PDB file of N, CA and C in Angstrom:
ATOM      1  N   MET A   1     -62.284 -96.563 102.715  1.00  0.00           N
ATOM      2  CA  MET A   1     -61.619 -97.475 103.643  1.00  0.00           C
ATOM      3  C   MET A   1     -62.267 -97.333 105.007  1.00  0.00           C
ATOM      4  N   ASP A   2     -62.606 -98.437 105.615  1.00  0.00           N
ATOM      5  CA  ASP A   2     -63.229 -98.464 106.928  1.00  0.00           C
ATOM      6  C   ASP A   2     -62.159 -98.256 108.002  1.00  0.00           C
ATOM      7  N   PRO A   3     -62.281 -97.217 108.861  1.00  0.00           N
ATOM      8  CA  PRO A   3     -61.238 -96.970 109.857  1.00  0.00           C
ATOM      9  C   PRO A   3     -61.088 -98.102 110.876  1.00  0.00           C
ATOM     10  N   LEU A   4     -62.185 -98.742 111.239  1.00  0.00           N
ATOM     11  CA  LEU A   4     -62.117 -99.868 112.167  1.00  0.00           C
ATOM     12  C   LEU A   4     -62.679-101.103 111.468  1.00  0.00           C
ATOM     13  N   PRO A   5     -61.830-102.048 111.140  1.00  0.00           N
ATOM     14  CA  PRO A   5     -62.314-103.239 110.438  1.00  0.00           C
ATOM     15  C   PRO A   5     -63.227-104.063 111.342  1.00  0.00           C
ATOM     16  N   GLY A   6     -64.147-104.773 110.715  1.00  0.00           N
ATOM     17  CA  GLY A   6     -65.073-105.612 111.463  1.00  0.00           C
ATOM     18  C   GLY A   6     -64.389-106.864 111.977  1.00  0.00           C
ATOM     19  N   PRO A   7     -65.146-107.713 112.644  1.00  0.00           N
ATOM     20  CA  PRO A   7     -64.575-108.956 113.179  1.00  0.00           C
ATOM     21  C   PRO A   7     -64.010-109.820 112.057  1.00  0.00           C
ATOM     22  N   GLY A   8     -62.873-110.397 112.304  1.00  0.00           N
ATOM     23  CA  GLY A   8     -62.259-111.269 111.325  1.00  0.00           C
ATOM     24  C   GLY A   8     -61.349-110.544 110.352  1.00  0.00           C
ATOM     25  N   LYS A   9     -61.394-109.217 110.318  1.00  0.00           N
ATOM     26  CA  LYS A   9     -60.516-108.448 109.439  1.00  0.00           C
ATOM     27  C   LYS A   9     -59.301-108.003 110.245  1.00  0.00           C
ATOM     28  N   PRO A  10     -58.110-108.316 109.763  1.00  0.00           N
ATOM     29  CA  PRO A  10     -56.921-107.873 110.497  1.00  0.00           C
ATOM     30  C   PRO A  10     -56.752-106.359 110.417  1.00  0.00           C
ATOM     31  N   LEU A  11     -56.286-105.771 111.480  1.00  0.00           N
ATOM     32  CA  LEU A  11     -56.034-104.340 111.518  1.00  0.00           C
ATOM     33  C   LEU A  11     -54.676-104.078 110.890  1.00  0.00           C
ATOM     34  N   ARG A  12     -54.664-103.274 109.843  1.00  0.00           N
ATOM     35  CA  ARG A  12     -53.405-102.993 109.159  1.00  0.00           C
ATOM     36  C   ARG A  12     -52.618-101.920 109.907  1.00  0.00           C
ATOM     37  N   VAL A  13     -51.289-101.948 109.724  1.00  0.00           N
ATOM     38  CA  VAL A  13     -50.413-100.984 110.385  1.00  0.00           C
ATOM     39  C   VAL A  13     -50.780 -99.567 109.988  1.00  0.00           C
ATOM     40  N   THR A  14     -51.145 -99.358 108.724  1.00  0.00           N
ATOM     41  CA  THR A  14     -51.507 -98.011 108.279  1.00  0.00           C
ATOM     42  C   THR A  14     -52.760 -97.522 108.998  1.00  0.00           C
ATOM     43  N   ASP A  15     -53.720 -98.431 109.276  1.00  0.00           N
ATOM     44  CA  ASP A  15     -54.930 -98.061 110.011  1.00  0.00           C
ATOM     45  C   ASP A  15     -54.578 -97.657 111.434  1.00  0.00           C
ATOM     46  N   VAL A  16     -53.706 -98.403 112.073  1.00  0.00           N
ATOM     47  CA  VAL A  16     -53.310 -98.100 113.450  1.00  0.00           C
ATOM     48  C   VAL A  16     -52.587 -96.762 113.488  1.00  0.00           C
ATOM     49  N   LYS A  17     -51.678 -96.550 112.551  1.00  0.00           N
ATOM     50  CA  LYS A  17     -50.910 -95.312 112.502  1.00  0.00           C
ATOM     51  C   LYS A  17     -51.829 -94.120 112.265  1.00  0.00           C
ATOM     52  N   GLN A  18     -52.765 -94.273 111.370  1.00  0.00           N
ATOM     53  CA  GLN A  18     -53.671 -93.175 111.052  1.00  0.00           C
ATOM     54  C   GLN A  18     -54.501 -92.813 112.281  1.00  0.00           C
ATOM     55  N   THR A  19     -55.046 -93.778 112.969  1.00  0.00           N
ATOM     56  CA  THR A  19     -55.869 -93.470 114.133  1.00  0.00           C
ATOM     57  C   THR A  19     -55.006 -92.870 115.237  1.00  0.00           C
ATOM     58  N   ARG A  20     -53.771 -93.321 115.366  1.00  0.00           N
ATOM     59  CA  ARG A  20     -52.866 -92.755 116.374  1.00  0.00           C
ATOM     60  C   ARG A  20     -52.563 -91.305 116.032  1.00  0.00           C
ATOM     61  N   GLU A  21     -52.289 -91.042 114.749  1.00  0.00           N
ATOM     62  CA  GLU A  21     -52.014 -89.674 114.316  1.00  0.00           C
ATOM     63  C   GLU A  21     -53.235 -88.785 114.524  1.00  0.00           C
ATOM     64  N   GLU A  22     -54.412 -89.319 114.265  1.00  0.00           N
ATOM     65  CA  GLU A  22     -55.635 -88.544 114.477  1.00  0.00           C
ATOM     66  C   GLU A  22     -55.817 -88.215 115.949  1.00  0.00           C
ATOM     67  N   ARG A  23     -55.557 -89.211 116.818  1.00  0.00           N
ATOM     68  CA  ARG A  23     -55.669 -88.967 118.262  1.00  0.00           C
ATOM     69  C   ARG A  23     -54.667 -87.913 118.719  1.00  0.00           C
ATOM     70  N   LEU A  24     -53.437 -88.013 118.237  1.00  0.00           N
ATOM     71  CA  LEU A  24     -52.417 -87.036 118.604  1.00  0.00           C
ATOM     72  C   LEU A  24     -52.795 -85.637 118.124  1.00  0.00           C
ATOM     73  N   ALA A  25     -53.297 -85.547 116.909  1.00  0.00           N
ATOM     74  CA  ALA A  25     -53.707 -84.247 116.365  1.00  0.00           C
ATOM     75  C   ALA A  25     -54.834 -83.649 117.197  1.00  0.00           C
ATOM     76  N   ALA A  26     -55.790 -84.481 117.598  1.00  0.00           N
ATOM     77  CA  ALA A  26     -56.898 -83.994 118.421  1.00  0.00           C
ATOM     78  C   ALA A  26     -56.389 -83.496 119.771  1.00  0.00           C
ATOM     79  N   LYS A  27     -55.476 -84.227 120.377  1.00  0.00           N
ATOM     80  CA  LYS A  27     -54.902 -83.820 121.662  1.00  0.00           C
ATOM     81  C   LYS A  27     -54.133 -82.507 121.526  1.00  0.00           C
ATOM     82  N   LEU A  28     -53.395 -82.359 120.424  1.00  0.00           N
ATOM     83  CA  LEU A  28     -52.651 -81.119 120.200  1.00  0.00           C
ATOM     84  C   LEU A  28     -53.598 -79.930 120.047  1.00  0.00           C
ATOM     85  N   ARG A  29     -54.689 -80.130 119.299  1.00  0.00           N
ATOM     86  CA  ARG A  29     -55.668 -79.046 119.137  1.00  0.00           C
ATOM     87  C   ARG A  29     -56.285 -78.681 120.482  1.00  0.00           C
ATOM     88  N   GLU A  30     -56.631 -79.683 121.280  1.00  0.00           N
ATOM     89  CA  GLU A  30     -57.220 -79.436 122.594  1.00  0.00           C
ATOM     90  C   GLU A  30     -56.234 -78.679 123.485  1.00  0.00           C
ATOM     91  N   ASN A  31     -54.985 -79.097 123.478  1.00  0.00           N
ATOM     92  CA  ASN A  31     -53.960 -78.454 124.278  1.00  0.00           C
ATOM     93  C   ASN A  31     -53.782 -76.996 123.851  1.00  0.00           C
ATOM     94  N   LEU A  32     -53.781 -76.752 122.557  1.00  0.00           N
ATOM     95  CA  LEU A  32     -53.632 -75.388 122.060  1.00  0.00           C
ATOM     96  C   LEU A  32     -54.797 -74.513 122.511  1.00  0.00           C
ATOM     97  N   ARG A  33     -56.021 -75.046 122.426  1.00  0.00           N
ATOM     98  CA  ARG A  33     -57.194 -74.288 122.886  1.00  0.00           C
ATOM     99  C   ARG A  33     -57.068 -73.938 124.367  1.00  0.00           C
ATOM    100  N   LEU A  34     -56.648 -74.910 125.191  1.00  0.00           N
ATOM    101  CA  LEU A  34     -56.501 -74.668 126.624  1.00  0.00           C
ATOM    102  C   LEU A  34     -55.433 -73.622 126.902  1.00  0.00           C
ATOM    103  N   ARG A  35     -54.311 -73.718 126.213  1.00  0.00           N
ATOM    104  CA  ARG A  35     -53.225 -72.754 126.433  1.00  0.00           C
ATOM    105  C   ARG A  35     -53.636 -71.343 126.011  1.00  0.00           C
ATOM    106  N   LYS A  36     -54.382 -71.236 124.914  1.00  0.00           N
ATOM    107  CA  LYS A  36     -54.855 -69.924 124.478  1.00  0.00           C
ATOM    108  C   LYS A  36     -55.835 -69.346 125.495  1.00  0.00           C
ATOM    109  N   ALA A  37     -56.717 -70.192 126.022  1.00  0.00           N
ATOM    110  CA  ALA A  37     -57.673 -69.738 127.039  1.00  0.00           C
ATOM    111  C   ALA A  37     -56.930 -69.279 128.289  1.00  0.00           C
ATOM    112  N   GLN A  38     -55.903 -70.022 128.694  1.00  0.00           N
ATOM    113  CA  GLN A  38     -55.100 -69.622 129.856  1.00  0.00           C
ATOM    114  C   GLN A  38     -54.423 -68.279 129.601  1.00  0.00           C
ATOM    115  N   ALA A  39     -53.865 -68.101 128.423  1.00  0.00           N
ATOM    116  CA  ALA A  39     -53.177 -66.852 128.089  1.00  0.00           C
ATOM    117  C   ALA A  39     -54.162 -65.685 128.117  1.00  0.00           C
ATOM    118  N   ARG A  40     -55.376 -65.886 127.575  1.00  0.00           N
ATOM    119  CA  ARG A  40     -56.390 -64.824 127.605  1.00  0.00           C
ATOM    120  C   ARG A  40     -56.784 -64.497 129.039  1.00  0.00           C
ATOM    121  N   ALA A  41     -56.937 -65.525 129.872  1.00  0.00           N
ATOM    122  CA  ALA A  41     -57.311 -65.312 131.271  1.00  0.00           C
ATOM    123  C   ALA A  41     -56.219 -64.537 132.003  1.00  0.00           C
ATOM    124  N   MET A  42     -54.966 -64.891 131.753  1.00  0.00           N
ATOM    125  CA  MET A  42     -53.863 -64.186 132.415  1.00  0.00           C
ATOM    126  C   MET A  42     -53.795 -62.739 131.943  1.00  0.00           C
ATOM    127  N   LYS A  43     -54.018 -62.513 130.652  1.00  0.00           N
ATOM    128  CA  LYS A  43     -53.981 -61.168 130.101  1.00  0.00           C
ATOM    129  C   LYS A  43     -55.087 -60.318 130.730  1.00  0.00           C
ATOM    130  N   THR A  44     -56.278 -60.897 130.873  1.00  0.00           N
ATOM    131  CA  THR A  44     -57.400 -60.197 131.486  1.00  0.00           C
ATOM    132  C   THR A  44     -57.098 -59.909 132.950  1.00  0.00           C
ATOM    133  N   GLU A  45     -56.538 -60.877 133.630  1.00  0.00           N
ATOM    134  CA  GLU A  45     -56.208 -60.730 135.046  1.00  0.00           C
ATOM    135  C   GLU A  45     -55.183 -59.614 135.234  1.00  0.00           C
ATOM    136  N   ILE A  46     -54.188 -59.565 134.384  1.00  0.00           N
ATOM    137  CA  ILE A  46     -53.162 -58.526 134.468  1.00  0.00           C
ATOM    138  C   ILE A  46     -53.782 -57.166 134.141  1.00  0.00           C
ATOM    139  N   GLY A  47     -54.663 -57.141 133.163  1.00  0.00           N
ATOM    140  CA  GLY A  47     -55.308 -55.888 132.777  1.00  0.00           C
ATOM    141  C   GLY A  47     -56.213 -55.345 133.863  1.00  0.00           C
ATOM    142  N   ASN A  48     -56.785 -56.214 134.682  1.00  0.00           N
ATOM    143  CA  ASN A  48     -57.680 -55.785 135.753  1.00  0.00           C
ATOM    144  C   ASN A  48     -56.935 -55.401 137.024  1.00  0.00           C
ATOM    145  N   ALA A  49     -55.678 -55.746 137.134  1.00  0.00           N
ATOM    146  CA  ALA A  49     -54.906 -55.427 138.329  1.00  0.00           C
ATOM    147  C   ALA A  49     -54.666 -53.919 138.383  1.00  0.00           C
ATOM    148  N   GLU A  50     -54.704 -53.397 139.595  1.00  0.00           N
ATOM    149  CA  GLU A  50     -54.465 -51.963 139.756  1.00  0.00           C
ATOM    150  C   GLU A  50     -52.971 -51.694 139.638  1.00  0.00           C
ATOM    151  N   LEU A  51     -52.658 -50.690 138.856  1.00  0.00           N
ATOM    152  CA  LEU A  51     -51.277 -50.289 138.701  1.00  0.00           C
ATOM    153  C   LEU A  51     -50.932 -49.289 139.787  1.00  0.00           C
ATOM    154  N   PRO A  52     -49.733 -49.361 140.320  1.00  0.00           N
ATOM    155  CA  PRO A  52     -49.360 -48.372 141.339  1.00  0.00           C
ATOM    156  C   PRO A  52     -49.286 -46.961 140.735  1.00  0.00           C
ATOM    157  N   LYS A  53     -49.718 -45.992 141.529  1.00  0.00           N
ATOM    158  CA  LYS A  53     -49.708 -44.609 141.054  1.00  0.00           C
ATOM    159  C   LYS A  53     -48.295 -44.037 141.211  1.00  0.00           C
ATOM    160  N   PRO A  54     -47.908 -43.173 140.295  1.00  0.00           N
ATOM    161  CA  PRO A  54     -46.589 -42.536 140.425  1.00  0.00           C
ATOM    162  C   PRO A  54     -46.525 -41.689 141.707  1.00  0.00           C
ATOM    163  N   GLU A  55     -45.348 -41.536 142.247  1.00  0.00           N
ATOM    164  CA  GLU A  55     -45.146 -40.825 143.506  1.00  0.00           C
ATOM    165  C   GLU A  55     -45.586 -39.364 143.424  1.00  0.00           C
ATOM    166  N   GLY A  56     -45.417 -38.715 142.305  1.00  0.00           N
ATOM    167  CA  GLY A  56     -45.735 -37.279 142.178  1.00  0.00           C
ATOM    168  C   GLY A  56     -47.206 -36.966 142.179  1.00  0.00           C
ATOM    169  N   ASP A  57     -48.098 -37.916 141.970  1.00  0.00           N
ATOM    170  CA  ASP A  57     -49.543 -37.667 141.866  1.00  0.00           C
ATOM    171  C   ASP A  57     -50.261 -37.703 143.206  1.00  0.00           C
ATOM    172  N   ARG A  58     -49.605 -37.899 144.290  1.00  0.00           N
ATOM    173  CA  ARG A  58     -50.290 -38.011 145.589  1.00  0.00           C
ATOM    174  C   ARG A  58     -50.632 -36.699 146.148  1.00  0.00           C
TER     175      ARG A  58
END
């Protein structure tokens, strides 16, 4: 089945729905990748922060 019909071929509802679902799935995957990258960056940032020393070690 051709995802985009040529000139003169009507676009069926199932074709429109499928392409919409594909676009949504791609956006969700992209969003997940970005959120994971943000989480890794925050984890690294927190890991690099200096922790305060306990009072007894001074």
